[in-house]
N, C-alpha and C. Protein backbone atom coordinates (compact mmCIF):
# COMPACT_ATOMS: atom_id res chain seq x y z
N UNK A 1 13.47 -62.62 -23.68
CA UNK A 1 14.14 -61.43 -23.18
C UNK A 1 13.71 -60.21 -23.97
N UNK A 2 13.85 -59.05 -23.34
CA UNK A 2 13.53 -57.80 -24.01
C UNK A 2 14.69 -57.40 -24.92
N UNK A 3 14.38 -56.79 -26.03
CA UNK A 3 15.41 -56.41 -27.01
C UNK A 3 15.30 -54.94 -27.35
N UNK A 4 16.42 -54.37 -27.73
CA UNK A 4 16.47 -52.98 -28.14
C UNK A 4 15.90 -52.86 -29.55
N UNK A 5 14.84 -52.09 -29.75
CA UNK A 5 14.29 -51.95 -31.11
C UNK A 5 15.21 -51.11 -31.98
N UNK A 6 15.26 -51.45 -33.25
CA UNK A 6 16.03 -50.63 -34.20
C UNK A 6 15.36 -49.28 -34.39
N UNK A 7 16.15 -48.27 -34.66
CA UNK A 7 15.58 -47.00 -35.07
C UNK A 7 14.92 -47.18 -36.44
N UNK A 8 13.79 -46.54 -36.68
CA UNK A 8 13.12 -46.66 -37.98
C UNK A 8 13.70 -45.72 -39.04
N UNK A 9 14.88 -45.18 -38.79
CA UNK A 9 15.54 -44.25 -39.70
C UNK A 9 17.02 -44.23 -39.33
N UNK A 10 17.83 -43.57 -40.15
CA UNK A 10 19.25 -43.45 -39.86
C UNK A 10 19.50 -42.47 -38.71
N UNK A 11 20.66 -42.59 -38.08
CA UNK A 11 20.99 -41.72 -36.95
C UNK A 11 20.94 -40.24 -37.33
N UNK A 12 21.25 -39.93 -38.58
CA UNK A 12 21.30 -38.52 -38.99
C UNK A 12 20.01 -38.04 -39.63
N UNK A 13 18.97 -38.86 -39.59
CA UNK A 13 17.73 -38.54 -40.30
C UNK A 13 17.02 -37.32 -39.74
N UNK A 14 17.25 -37.02 -38.48
CA UNK A 14 16.53 -35.91 -37.83
C UNK A 14 17.32 -34.61 -37.85
N UNK A 15 18.49 -34.64 -38.51
CA UNK A 15 19.29 -33.42 -38.64
C UNK A 15 18.50 -32.36 -39.42
N UNK A 16 18.69 -31.08 -39.15
CA UNK A 16 19.59 -30.50 -38.16
C UNK A 16 18.95 -30.33 -36.80
N UNK A 17 17.75 -30.85 -36.62
CA UNK A 17 16.99 -30.57 -35.40
C UNK A 17 17.46 -31.42 -34.21
N UNK A 18 17.74 -32.70 -34.47
CA UNK A 18 18.36 -33.56 -33.47
C UNK A 18 19.57 -34.18 -34.15
N UNK A 19 20.73 -34.01 -33.53
CA UNK A 19 21.97 -34.36 -34.21
C UNK A 19 22.27 -35.85 -34.16
N UNK A 20 23.09 -36.28 -35.10
CA UNK A 20 23.44 -37.70 -35.25
C UNK A 20 24.11 -38.28 -34.01
N UNK A 21 25.05 -37.55 -33.42
CA UNK A 21 25.77 -38.07 -32.26
C UNK A 21 24.83 -38.28 -31.08
N UNK A 22 23.91 -37.36 -30.87
CA UNK A 22 22.93 -37.52 -29.79
C UNK A 22 22.08 -38.76 -30.02
N UNK A 23 21.64 -38.97 -31.26
CA UNK A 23 20.81 -40.14 -31.55
C UNK A 23 21.58 -41.44 -31.31
N UNK A 24 22.86 -41.46 -31.67
CA UNK A 24 23.66 -42.67 -31.44
C UNK A 24 23.77 -42.97 -29.95
N UNK A 25 24.13 -41.96 -29.17
CA UNK A 25 24.28 -42.17 -27.73
C UNK A 25 22.95 -42.46 -27.06
N UNK A 26 21.92 -41.76 -27.48
CA UNK A 26 20.61 -41.92 -26.86
C UNK A 26 20.07 -43.34 -27.08
N UNK A 27 20.17 -43.81 -28.31
CA UNK A 27 19.64 -45.13 -28.65
C UNK A 27 20.59 -46.25 -28.23
N UNK A 28 21.83 -46.17 -28.67
CA UNK A 28 22.76 -47.29 -28.51
C UNK A 28 23.33 -47.40 -27.10
N UNK A 29 23.35 -46.31 -26.36
CA UNK A 29 23.88 -46.35 -25.00
C UNK A 29 22.75 -46.29 -23.96
N UNK A 30 22.03 -45.18 -23.92
CA UNK A 30 21.03 -45.01 -22.87
C UNK A 30 19.90 -46.04 -22.96
N UNK A 31 19.24 -46.12 -24.12
CA UNK A 31 18.13 -47.07 -24.23
C UNK A 31 18.63 -48.50 -24.06
N UNK A 32 19.78 -48.79 -24.64
CA UNK A 32 20.34 -50.15 -24.53
C UNK A 32 20.59 -50.55 -23.08
N UNK A 33 21.02 -49.61 -22.26
CA UNK A 33 21.27 -49.91 -20.85
C UNK A 33 19.97 -50.22 -20.12
N UNK A 34 18.91 -49.48 -20.43
CA UNK A 34 17.62 -49.77 -19.80
C UNK A 34 17.16 -51.19 -20.13
N UNK A 35 17.33 -51.59 -21.37
CA UNK A 35 16.94 -52.94 -21.78
C UNK A 35 17.79 -53.99 -21.05
N UNK A 36 19.11 -53.76 -21.00
CA UNK A 36 19.99 -54.70 -20.31
C UNK A 36 19.62 -54.80 -18.83
N UNK A 37 19.41 -53.66 -18.19
CA UNK A 37 19.06 -53.67 -16.76
C UNK A 37 17.75 -54.40 -16.51
N UNK A 38 16.79 -54.21 -17.41
CA UNK A 38 15.50 -54.88 -17.26
C UNK A 38 15.66 -56.39 -17.38
N UNK A 39 16.43 -56.83 -18.37
CA UNK A 39 16.69 -58.27 -18.52
C UNK A 39 17.44 -58.83 -17.31
N UNK A 40 18.40 -58.08 -16.81
CA UNK A 40 19.17 -58.55 -15.66
C UNK A 40 18.30 -58.72 -14.42
N UNK A 41 17.46 -57.74 -14.16
CA UNK A 41 16.64 -57.79 -12.94
C UNK A 41 15.58 -58.88 -13.03
N UNK A 42 15.19 -59.24 -14.25
CA UNK A 42 14.16 -60.28 -14.42
C UNK A 42 14.75 -61.65 -14.73
N UNK A 43 16.08 -61.78 -14.63
CA UNK A 43 16.74 -63.04 -15.00
C UNK A 43 16.20 -64.23 -14.22
N UNK A 44 15.79 -64.01 -12.98
CA UNK A 44 15.27 -65.11 -12.15
C UNK A 44 13.75 -65.19 -12.17
N UNK A 45 13.13 -64.45 -13.09
CA UNK A 45 11.67 -64.43 -13.20
C UNK A 45 11.29 -64.65 -14.67
N UNK A 46 11.50 -65.87 -15.19
CA UNK A 46 11.31 -66.14 -16.62
C UNK A 46 9.90 -65.82 -17.12
N UNK A 47 8.90 -65.96 -16.26
CA UNK A 47 7.54 -65.65 -16.69
C UNK A 47 7.38 -64.17 -16.99
N UNK A 48 8.09 -63.31 -16.25
CA UNK A 48 8.02 -61.87 -16.48
C UNK A 48 8.83 -61.47 -17.71
N UNK A 49 9.87 -62.22 -18.00
CA UNK A 49 10.67 -61.94 -19.21
C UNK A 49 9.85 -62.17 -20.48
N UNK A 50 8.84 -63.00 -20.39
CA UNK A 50 7.99 -63.29 -21.54
C UNK A 50 6.87 -62.27 -21.72
N UNK A 51 6.72 -61.36 -20.74
CA UNK A 51 5.62 -60.41 -20.77
C UNK A 51 5.89 -59.27 -21.73
N UNK A 52 4.83 -58.59 -22.13
CA UNK A 52 4.95 -57.34 -22.88
C UNK A 52 5.37 -56.24 -21.90
N UNK A 53 6.29 -55.36 -22.31
CA UNK A 53 6.79 -54.36 -21.38
C UNK A 53 5.68 -53.43 -20.90
N UNK A 54 4.71 -53.14 -21.75
CA UNK A 54 3.61 -52.27 -21.32
C UNK A 54 2.75 -52.97 -20.27
N UNK A 55 2.58 -54.28 -20.40
CA UNK A 55 1.85 -55.03 -19.38
C UNK A 55 2.59 -55.02 -18.05
N UNK A 56 3.92 -55.11 -18.12
CA UNK A 56 4.73 -55.07 -16.90
C UNK A 56 4.50 -53.78 -16.12
N UNK A 57 4.64 -52.66 -16.80
CA UNK A 57 4.56 -51.39 -16.08
C UNK A 57 3.12 -50.98 -15.77
N UNK A 58 2.18 -51.58 -16.46
CA UNK A 58 0.77 -51.33 -16.18
C UNK A 58 0.32 -52.06 -14.92
N UNK A 59 1.04 -53.13 -14.59
CA UNK A 59 0.65 -53.97 -13.46
C UNK A 59 1.78 -54.11 -12.45
N UNK A 60 2.34 -52.97 -12.05
CA UNK A 60 3.49 -53.00 -11.15
C UNK A 60 3.16 -53.61 -9.80
N UNK A 61 1.90 -53.54 -9.41
CA UNK A 61 1.51 -54.14 -8.14
C UNK A 61 1.69 -55.65 -8.09
N UNK A 62 1.77 -56.27 -9.27
CA UNK A 62 1.95 -57.72 -9.34
C UNK A 62 3.43 -58.11 -9.42
N UNK A 63 4.31 -57.12 -9.52
CA UNK A 63 5.74 -57.39 -9.60
C UNK A 63 6.28 -57.59 -8.18
N UNK A 64 7.11 -58.61 -7.95
CA UNK A 64 7.69 -58.80 -6.61
C UNK A 64 8.30 -57.52 -6.08
N UNK A 65 8.05 -57.23 -4.82
CA UNK A 65 8.46 -55.95 -4.25
C UNK A 65 9.95 -55.69 -4.34
N UNK A 66 10.76 -56.76 -4.23
CA UNK A 66 12.20 -56.57 -4.20
C UNK A 66 12.77 -56.09 -5.55
N UNK A 67 12.00 -56.26 -6.63
CA UNK A 67 12.49 -55.81 -7.94
C UNK A 67 11.58 -54.75 -8.56
N UNK A 68 10.56 -54.35 -7.84
CA UNK A 68 9.54 -53.48 -8.43
C UNK A 68 10.10 -52.13 -8.88
N UNK A 69 10.93 -51.51 -8.06
CA UNK A 69 11.46 -50.20 -8.42
C UNK A 69 12.33 -50.28 -9.68
N UNK A 70 13.16 -51.31 -9.77
CA UNK A 70 14.02 -51.46 -10.95
C UNK A 70 13.20 -51.75 -12.20
N UNK A 71 12.14 -52.53 -12.05
CA UNK A 71 11.26 -52.78 -13.19
C UNK A 71 10.55 -51.50 -13.60
N UNK A 72 10.10 -50.75 -12.61
CA UNK A 72 9.42 -49.48 -12.89
C UNK A 72 10.35 -48.53 -13.66
N UNK A 73 11.57 -48.38 -13.18
CA UNK A 73 12.50 -47.44 -13.80
C UNK A 73 12.95 -47.89 -15.19
N UNK A 74 13.44 -49.12 -15.27
CA UNK A 74 14.01 -49.60 -16.53
C UNK A 74 12.95 -50.03 -17.53
N UNK A 75 11.88 -50.67 -17.04
CA UNK A 75 10.78 -51.02 -17.92
C UNK A 75 10.07 -49.79 -18.44
N UNK A 76 9.89 -48.80 -17.55
CA UNK A 76 9.26 -47.55 -17.98
C UNK A 76 10.07 -46.85 -19.05
N UNK A 77 11.39 -46.78 -18.84
CA UNK A 77 12.23 -46.12 -19.82
C UNK A 77 12.29 -46.89 -21.15
N UNK A 78 12.26 -48.21 -21.07
CA UNK A 78 12.24 -49.01 -22.31
C UNK A 78 10.96 -48.72 -23.09
N UNK A 79 9.83 -48.73 -22.42
CA UNK A 79 8.56 -48.46 -23.09
C UNK A 79 8.51 -47.03 -23.62
N UNK A 80 8.96 -46.08 -22.80
CA UNK A 80 8.91 -44.67 -23.20
C UNK A 80 9.74 -44.41 -24.46
N UNK A 81 10.96 -44.95 -24.47
CA UNK A 81 11.83 -44.73 -25.62
C UNK A 81 11.32 -45.47 -26.86
N UNK A 82 10.75 -46.63 -26.67
CA UNK A 82 10.24 -47.39 -27.82
C UNK A 82 9.15 -46.61 -28.55
N UNK A 83 8.35 -45.85 -27.81
CA UNK A 83 7.37 -44.97 -28.44
C UNK A 83 8.04 -43.73 -29.03
N UNK A 84 8.97 -43.16 -28.29
CA UNK A 84 9.63 -41.91 -28.71
C UNK A 84 10.27 -42.04 -30.08
N UNK A 85 10.95 -43.14 -30.34
CA UNK A 85 11.62 -43.30 -31.65
C UNK A 85 10.62 -43.26 -32.80
N UNK A 86 9.48 -43.90 -32.64
CA UNK A 86 8.56 -44.03 -33.79
C UNK A 86 7.68 -42.80 -34.00
N UNK A 87 7.56 -41.94 -32.98
CA UNK A 87 6.75 -40.74 -33.21
C UNK A 87 7.61 -39.59 -33.72
N UNK A 88 8.85 -39.93 -34.15
CA UNK A 88 9.68 -38.95 -34.85
C UNK A 88 10.02 -39.49 -36.23
N UNK A 89 10.32 -38.58 -37.14
CA UNK A 89 10.69 -38.95 -38.51
C UNK A 89 11.45 -37.80 -39.13
N UNK A 90 12.08 -38.06 -40.25
CA UNK A 90 12.79 -37.01 -40.96
C UNK A 90 11.86 -35.84 -41.23
N UNK A 91 12.36 -34.62 -41.17
CA UNK A 91 11.51 -33.44 -41.38
C UNK A 91 10.74 -33.53 -42.70
N UNK A 92 9.47 -33.15 -42.64
CA UNK A 92 8.62 -33.22 -43.83
C UNK A 92 7.76 -31.96 -43.90
N UNK A 93 6.90 -31.93 -44.89
CA UNK A 93 6.01 -30.79 -45.05
C UNK A 93 4.83 -30.82 -44.09
N UNK A 94 4.58 -32.00 -43.48
CA UNK A 94 3.43 -32.11 -42.60
C UNK A 94 3.82 -31.70 -41.18
N UNK A 95 3.72 -30.43 -40.89
CA UNK A 95 4.13 -29.90 -39.60
C UNK A 95 2.99 -29.88 -38.58
N UNK A 96 1.79 -30.23 -39.01
CA UNK A 96 0.67 -30.33 -38.08
C UNK A 96 -0.11 -31.60 -38.42
N UNK A 97 -0.89 -32.10 -37.47
CA UNK A 97 -1.70 -33.29 -37.75
C UNK A 97 -2.86 -32.93 -38.66
N UNK A 98 -3.60 -33.95 -39.07
CA UNK A 98 -4.75 -33.73 -39.93
C UNK A 98 -5.89 -34.63 -39.49
N UNK A 99 -7.01 -34.51 -40.18
CA UNK A 99 -8.14 -35.41 -39.98
C UNK A 99 -8.72 -35.39 -38.58
N UNK A 100 -9.10 -36.57 -38.11
CA UNK A 100 -9.76 -36.70 -36.81
C UNK A 100 -8.90 -36.21 -35.66
N UNK A 101 -7.60 -36.44 -35.74
CA UNK A 101 -6.73 -36.01 -34.65
C UNK A 101 -6.70 -34.49 -34.55
N UNK A 102 -6.58 -33.81 -35.67
CA UNK A 102 -6.59 -32.35 -35.64
C UNK A 102 -7.92 -31.83 -35.12
N UNK A 103 -9.00 -32.45 -35.55
CA UNK A 103 -10.33 -32.04 -35.05
C UNK A 103 -10.40 -32.17 -33.53
N UNK A 104 -9.86 -33.27 -33.01
CA UNK A 104 -9.93 -33.51 -31.57
C UNK A 104 -9.02 -32.55 -30.81
N UNK A 105 -7.87 -32.24 -31.38
CA UNK A 105 -6.98 -31.25 -30.76
C UNK A 105 -7.67 -29.89 -30.71
N UNK A 106 -8.28 -29.50 -31.80
CA UNK A 106 -9.00 -28.21 -31.83
C UNK A 106 -10.14 -28.19 -30.82
N UNK A 107 -10.80 -29.33 -30.67
CA UNK A 107 -11.93 -29.43 -29.73
C UNK A 107 -11.45 -29.31 -28.28
N UNK A 108 -10.31 -29.92 -27.97
CA UNK A 108 -9.84 -29.96 -26.59
C UNK A 108 -8.96 -28.77 -26.20
N UNK A 109 -8.28 -28.18 -27.18
CA UNK A 109 -7.32 -27.12 -26.85
C UNK A 109 -7.60 -25.81 -27.59
N UNK A 110 -8.71 -25.73 -28.30
CA UNK A 110 -9.15 -24.55 -29.05
C UNK A 110 -8.47 -24.43 -30.41
N UNK A 111 -7.18 -24.74 -30.48
CA UNK A 111 -6.47 -24.69 -31.76
C UNK A 111 -5.18 -25.49 -31.62
N UNK A 112 -4.59 -25.83 -32.78
CA UNK A 112 -3.32 -26.55 -32.73
C UNK A 112 -2.24 -25.68 -32.11
N UNK A 113 -2.23 -24.40 -32.42
CA UNK A 113 -1.21 -23.50 -31.86
C UNK A 113 -1.29 -23.45 -30.34
N UNK A 114 -2.51 -23.42 -29.80
CA UNK A 114 -2.64 -23.38 -28.34
C UNK A 114 -2.22 -24.71 -27.72
N UNK A 115 -2.53 -25.81 -28.40
CA UNK A 115 -2.04 -27.12 -27.93
C UNK A 115 -0.51 -27.13 -27.90
N UNK A 116 0.09 -26.67 -28.99
CA UNK A 116 1.55 -26.68 -29.10
C UNK A 116 2.17 -25.79 -28.02
N UNK A 117 1.59 -24.64 -27.76
CA UNK A 117 2.10 -23.74 -26.73
C UNK A 117 2.01 -24.38 -25.35
N UNK A 118 0.90 -25.04 -25.08
CA UNK A 118 0.71 -25.67 -23.77
C UNK A 118 1.68 -26.84 -23.59
N UNK A 119 1.84 -27.63 -24.63
CA UNK A 119 2.76 -28.77 -24.57
C UNK A 119 4.20 -28.28 -24.35
N UNK A 120 4.59 -27.25 -25.11
CA UNK A 120 5.93 -26.70 -24.99
C UNK A 120 6.16 -26.13 -23.60
N UNK A 121 5.19 -25.39 -23.09
CA UNK A 121 5.32 -24.81 -21.75
C UNK A 121 5.47 -25.89 -20.69
N UNK A 122 4.73 -26.98 -20.83
CA UNK A 122 4.82 -28.08 -19.88
C UNK A 122 6.20 -28.72 -19.93
N UNK A 123 6.75 -28.84 -21.14
CA UNK A 123 8.07 -29.46 -21.31
C UNK A 123 9.16 -28.59 -20.69
N UNK A 124 9.06 -27.30 -20.89
CA UNK A 124 10.08 -26.38 -20.37
C UNK A 124 9.99 -26.29 -18.84
N UNK A 125 8.77 -26.35 -18.32
CA UNK A 125 8.56 -26.16 -16.88
C UNK A 125 8.86 -27.40 -16.05
N UNK A 126 8.89 -28.57 -16.66
CA UNK A 126 9.10 -29.80 -15.88
C UNK A 126 10.45 -29.75 -15.19
N UNK A 127 10.46 -29.92 -13.89
CA UNK A 127 11.70 -29.86 -13.12
C UNK A 127 12.43 -31.20 -13.21
N UNK A 128 13.70 -31.14 -13.54
CA UNK A 128 14.49 -32.37 -13.59
C UNK A 128 14.21 -33.18 -14.84
N UNK A 129 14.43 -34.49 -14.72
CA UNK A 129 14.29 -35.39 -15.86
C UNK A 129 12.88 -35.96 -15.93
N UNK A 130 12.40 -36.17 -17.14
CA UNK A 130 11.07 -36.75 -17.28
C UNK A 130 10.57 -36.67 -18.71
N UNK A 131 9.25 -36.78 -18.85
CA UNK A 131 8.60 -36.89 -20.16
C UNK A 131 7.34 -36.03 -20.20
N UNK A 132 7.02 -35.56 -21.40
CA UNK A 132 5.77 -34.85 -21.66
C UNK A 132 4.95 -35.71 -22.60
N UNK A 133 3.63 -35.74 -22.40
CA UNK A 133 2.78 -36.69 -23.12
C UNK A 133 1.52 -36.03 -23.67
N UNK A 134 1.04 -36.56 -24.79
CA UNK A 134 -0.32 -36.33 -25.25
C UNK A 134 -1.03 -37.67 -25.10
N UNK A 135 -2.03 -37.70 -24.22
CA UNK A 135 -2.73 -38.94 -23.90
C UNK A 135 -4.20 -38.86 -24.28
N UNK A 136 -4.80 -40.05 -24.36
CA UNK A 136 -6.26 -40.16 -24.35
C UNK A 136 -6.64 -40.70 -22.98
N UNK A 137 -7.45 -39.93 -22.27
CA UNK A 137 -7.87 -40.29 -20.92
C UNK A 137 -9.38 -40.10 -20.81
N UNK A 138 -10.09 -41.20 -20.59
CA UNK A 138 -11.56 -41.15 -20.53
C UNK A 138 -12.15 -40.51 -21.78
N UNK A 139 -11.56 -40.84 -22.93
CA UNK A 139 -12.10 -40.38 -24.20
C UNK A 139 -11.72 -38.97 -24.59
N UNK A 140 -10.91 -38.30 -23.78
CA UNK A 140 -10.51 -36.93 -24.09
C UNK A 140 -8.99 -36.83 -24.18
N UNK A 141 -8.52 -35.89 -25.00
CA UNK A 141 -7.09 -35.65 -25.09
C UNK A 141 -6.63 -34.83 -23.89
N UNK A 142 -5.45 -35.14 -23.40
CA UNK A 142 -4.87 -34.36 -22.32
C UNK A 142 -3.35 -34.32 -22.47
N UNK A 143 -2.74 -33.28 -21.95
CA UNK A 143 -1.29 -33.18 -21.85
C UNK A 143 -0.91 -33.49 -20.41
N UNK A 144 0.11 -34.32 -20.23
CA UNK A 144 0.56 -34.63 -18.88
C UNK A 144 2.08 -34.72 -18.86
N UNK A 145 2.63 -34.71 -17.66
CA UNK A 145 4.07 -34.91 -17.48
C UNK A 145 4.28 -36.05 -16.49
N UNK A 146 5.42 -36.73 -16.64
CA UNK A 146 5.80 -37.76 -15.68
C UNK A 146 7.27 -37.59 -15.34
N UNK A 147 7.65 -37.87 -14.10
CA UNK A 147 9.07 -37.77 -13.72
C UNK A 147 9.83 -39.03 -14.12
N UNK A 148 11.12 -38.87 -14.28
CA UNK A 148 12.02 -40.01 -14.47
C UNK A 148 11.55 -40.92 -15.61
N UNK A 149 11.31 -42.21 -15.31
CA UNK A 149 10.89 -43.15 -16.33
C UNK A 149 9.42 -43.52 -16.24
N UNK A 150 8.66 -42.78 -15.46
CA UNK A 150 7.24 -43.11 -15.32
C UNK A 150 6.48 -42.84 -16.62
N UNK A 151 5.32 -43.47 -16.73
CA UNK A 151 4.53 -43.41 -17.95
C UNK A 151 3.05 -43.31 -17.61
N UNK A 152 2.25 -42.62 -18.43
CA UNK A 152 0.80 -42.60 -18.23
C UNK A 152 0.19 -44.00 -18.30
N UNK A 153 0.88 -44.93 -18.93
CA UNK A 153 0.39 -46.32 -18.97
C UNK A 153 0.17 -46.84 -17.56
N UNK A 154 1.03 -46.39 -16.64
CA UNK A 154 0.92 -46.81 -15.24
C UNK A 154 -0.37 -46.33 -14.60
N UNK A 155 -1.00 -45.33 -15.21
CA UNK A 155 -2.25 -44.76 -14.71
C UNK A 155 -3.45 -45.18 -15.55
N UNK A 156 -3.23 -46.14 -16.46
CA UNK A 156 -4.33 -46.64 -17.28
C UNK A 156 -4.67 -45.77 -18.47
N UNK A 157 -3.78 -44.85 -18.83
CA UNK A 157 -4.03 -43.97 -19.97
C UNK A 157 -3.38 -44.53 -21.23
N UNK A 158 -3.79 -44.03 -22.39
CA UNK A 158 -3.19 -44.41 -23.67
C UNK A 158 -2.46 -43.20 -24.22
N UNK A 159 -1.20 -43.38 -24.55
CA UNK A 159 -0.38 -42.26 -25.00
C UNK A 159 -0.22 -42.27 -26.52
N UNK A 160 -0.36 -41.10 -27.11
CA UNK A 160 -0.22 -40.93 -28.55
C UNK A 160 1.14 -40.37 -28.94
N UNK A 161 1.73 -39.59 -28.04
CA UNK A 161 2.90 -38.79 -28.37
C UNK A 161 3.67 -38.54 -27.09
N UNK A 162 5.01 -38.59 -27.17
CA UNK A 162 5.79 -38.25 -25.98
C UNK A 162 7.07 -37.53 -26.37
N UNK A 163 7.60 -36.78 -25.43
CA UNK A 163 8.84 -36.03 -25.63
C UNK A 163 9.75 -36.27 -24.44
N UNK A 164 10.96 -36.69 -24.72
CA UNK A 164 11.97 -36.96 -23.70
C UNK A 164 12.68 -35.65 -23.36
N UNK A 165 12.61 -35.25 -22.09
CA UNK A 165 13.35 -34.06 -21.67
C UNK A 165 14.43 -34.39 -20.64
N UNK A 166 14.88 -35.65 -20.62
CA UNK A 166 16.12 -35.95 -19.91
C UNK A 166 17.24 -35.21 -20.64
N UNK A 167 18.24 -34.76 -19.91
CA UNK A 167 19.31 -33.97 -20.55
C UNK A 167 20.05 -34.76 -21.62
N UNK A 168 20.13 -36.09 -21.48
CA UNK A 168 20.86 -36.85 -22.50
C UNK A 168 20.18 -36.78 -23.87
N UNK A 169 18.91 -36.35 -23.90
CA UNK A 169 18.18 -36.25 -25.17
C UNK A 169 18.58 -35.02 -25.98
N UNK A 170 19.23 -34.04 -25.33
CA UNK A 170 19.48 -32.79 -26.05
C UNK A 170 20.76 -32.06 -25.69
N UNK A 171 21.48 -32.50 -24.67
CA UNK A 171 22.55 -31.65 -24.11
C UNK A 171 23.72 -31.44 -25.05
N UNK A 172 24.03 -32.42 -25.89
CA UNK A 172 25.18 -32.25 -26.80
C UNK A 172 24.99 -31.08 -27.74
N UNK A 173 23.77 -30.90 -28.22
CA UNK A 173 23.50 -29.84 -29.21
C UNK A 173 22.99 -28.56 -28.55
N UNK A 174 22.10 -28.71 -27.57
CA UNK A 174 21.41 -27.55 -27.03
C UNK A 174 21.88 -27.14 -25.64
N UNK A 175 22.80 -27.89 -25.04
CA UNK A 175 23.27 -27.63 -23.68
C UNK A 175 22.09 -27.45 -22.72
N UNK A 176 22.03 -26.34 -22.02
CA UNK A 176 20.97 -26.15 -21.03
C UNK A 176 19.73 -25.45 -21.62
N UNK A 177 19.71 -25.27 -22.92
CA UNK A 177 18.60 -24.54 -23.55
C UNK A 177 17.48 -25.50 -23.95
N UNK A 178 16.77 -25.96 -22.95
CA UNK A 178 15.72 -26.96 -23.21
C UNK A 178 14.67 -26.45 -24.18
N UNK A 179 14.28 -25.19 -24.04
CA UNK A 179 13.23 -24.67 -24.92
C UNK A 179 13.66 -24.71 -26.39
N UNK A 180 14.93 -24.44 -26.67
CA UNK A 180 15.41 -24.52 -28.05
C UNK A 180 15.25 -25.93 -28.59
N UNK A 181 15.54 -26.91 -27.75
CA UNK A 181 15.38 -28.32 -28.14
C UNK A 181 13.91 -28.64 -28.41
N UNK A 182 13.03 -28.21 -27.51
CA UNK A 182 11.61 -28.49 -27.68
C UNK A 182 11.08 -27.83 -28.95
N UNK A 183 11.45 -26.58 -29.17
CA UNK A 183 11.00 -25.88 -30.38
C UNK A 183 11.48 -26.60 -31.64
N UNK A 184 12.72 -27.10 -31.62
CA UNK A 184 13.25 -27.82 -32.78
C UNK A 184 12.56 -29.16 -32.97
N UNK A 185 12.23 -29.82 -31.86
CA UNK A 185 11.62 -31.16 -31.92
C UNK A 185 10.30 -31.16 -32.69
N UNK A 186 9.55 -30.08 -32.64
CA UNK A 186 8.28 -30.04 -33.38
C UNK A 186 8.47 -30.30 -34.87
N UNK A 187 9.66 -30.03 -35.39
CA UNK A 187 9.92 -30.21 -36.83
C UNK A 187 10.11 -31.66 -37.21
N UNK A 188 10.28 -32.55 -36.22
CA UNK A 188 10.50 -33.96 -36.53
C UNK A 188 9.40 -34.87 -35.98
N UNK A 189 8.31 -34.28 -35.51
CA UNK A 189 7.19 -35.12 -35.05
C UNK A 189 6.59 -35.85 -36.25
N UNK A 190 6.41 -37.14 -36.10
CA UNK A 190 5.83 -37.98 -37.15
C UNK A 190 4.32 -38.01 -36.98
N UNK A 191 3.65 -36.99 -37.52
CA UNK A 191 2.21 -36.88 -37.30
C UNK A 191 1.43 -38.03 -37.93
N UNK A 192 1.96 -38.62 -38.99
CA UNK A 192 1.26 -39.77 -39.59
C UNK A 192 1.18 -40.93 -38.60
N UNK A 193 2.26 -41.16 -37.87
CA UNK A 193 2.27 -42.24 -36.87
C UNK A 193 1.34 -41.90 -35.71
N UNK A 194 1.35 -40.65 -35.27
CA UNK A 194 0.47 -40.24 -34.16
C UNK A 194 -0.99 -40.37 -34.59
N UNK A 195 -1.29 -39.96 -35.82
CA UNK A 195 -2.65 -40.10 -36.34
C UNK A 195 -3.07 -41.58 -36.38
N UNK A 196 -2.14 -42.43 -36.79
CA UNK A 196 -2.42 -43.86 -36.87
C UNK A 196 -2.78 -44.42 -35.50
N UNK A 197 -2.03 -44.00 -34.49
CA UNK A 197 -2.32 -44.45 -33.12
C UNK A 197 -3.69 -43.97 -32.67
N UNK A 198 -4.02 -42.73 -33.03
CA UNK A 198 -5.32 -42.19 -32.64
C UNK A 198 -6.46 -42.91 -33.35
N UNK A 199 -6.28 -43.20 -34.63
CA UNK A 199 -7.34 -43.86 -35.39
C UNK A 199 -7.64 -45.25 -34.84
N UNK A 200 -6.60 -45.93 -34.33
CA UNK A 200 -6.83 -47.27 -33.74
C UNK A 200 -7.75 -47.18 -32.53
N UNK A 201 -7.68 -46.06 -31.83
CA UNK A 201 -8.52 -45.90 -30.63
C UNK A 201 -9.98 -45.62 -30.98
N UNK A 202 -10.18 -44.92 -32.10
CA UNK A 202 -11.56 -44.49 -32.40
C UNK A 202 -12.22 -45.42 -33.42
């Protein structure tokens, strides 16, 4: 069965940028429900329960049609959140990436500031609930958005970084001010983890 991963830090570790209460509800309630729903829908498909969640959502065409939408939604959200937790960390002095990743960002977006502006603009402009991503696609970095629980994995891409812009990710602290949340989130990006993911690819 699929299990809810532990947070790699305390609920209050991202304060003051993401508050403790939001982290508790986001992880223990929202993410936990996606995991429960995924296990429930796959209860009669033991071979799928043994699969890796990324393999499930990467191969949705192989999922029985009667459960495909629920697997897409709940499996996608489980995978998305599992990445989201680890690409954040307590605020540190490293506010930008370094090494090969920074070089590649500069190559693809002209500068880190322009990358950050484009990513932020995409996050603010996304209508409704969804995610913003930094992916590797055909050897190049790209920014993309997905609605609901969808993931670039479903399109054969590899994701390095993601940002949850469902309202449950920020509404307690920021209410309807999504841009304030996105601006604050940059202070808790775990660039060491993102760099590690990038180095595995190259």
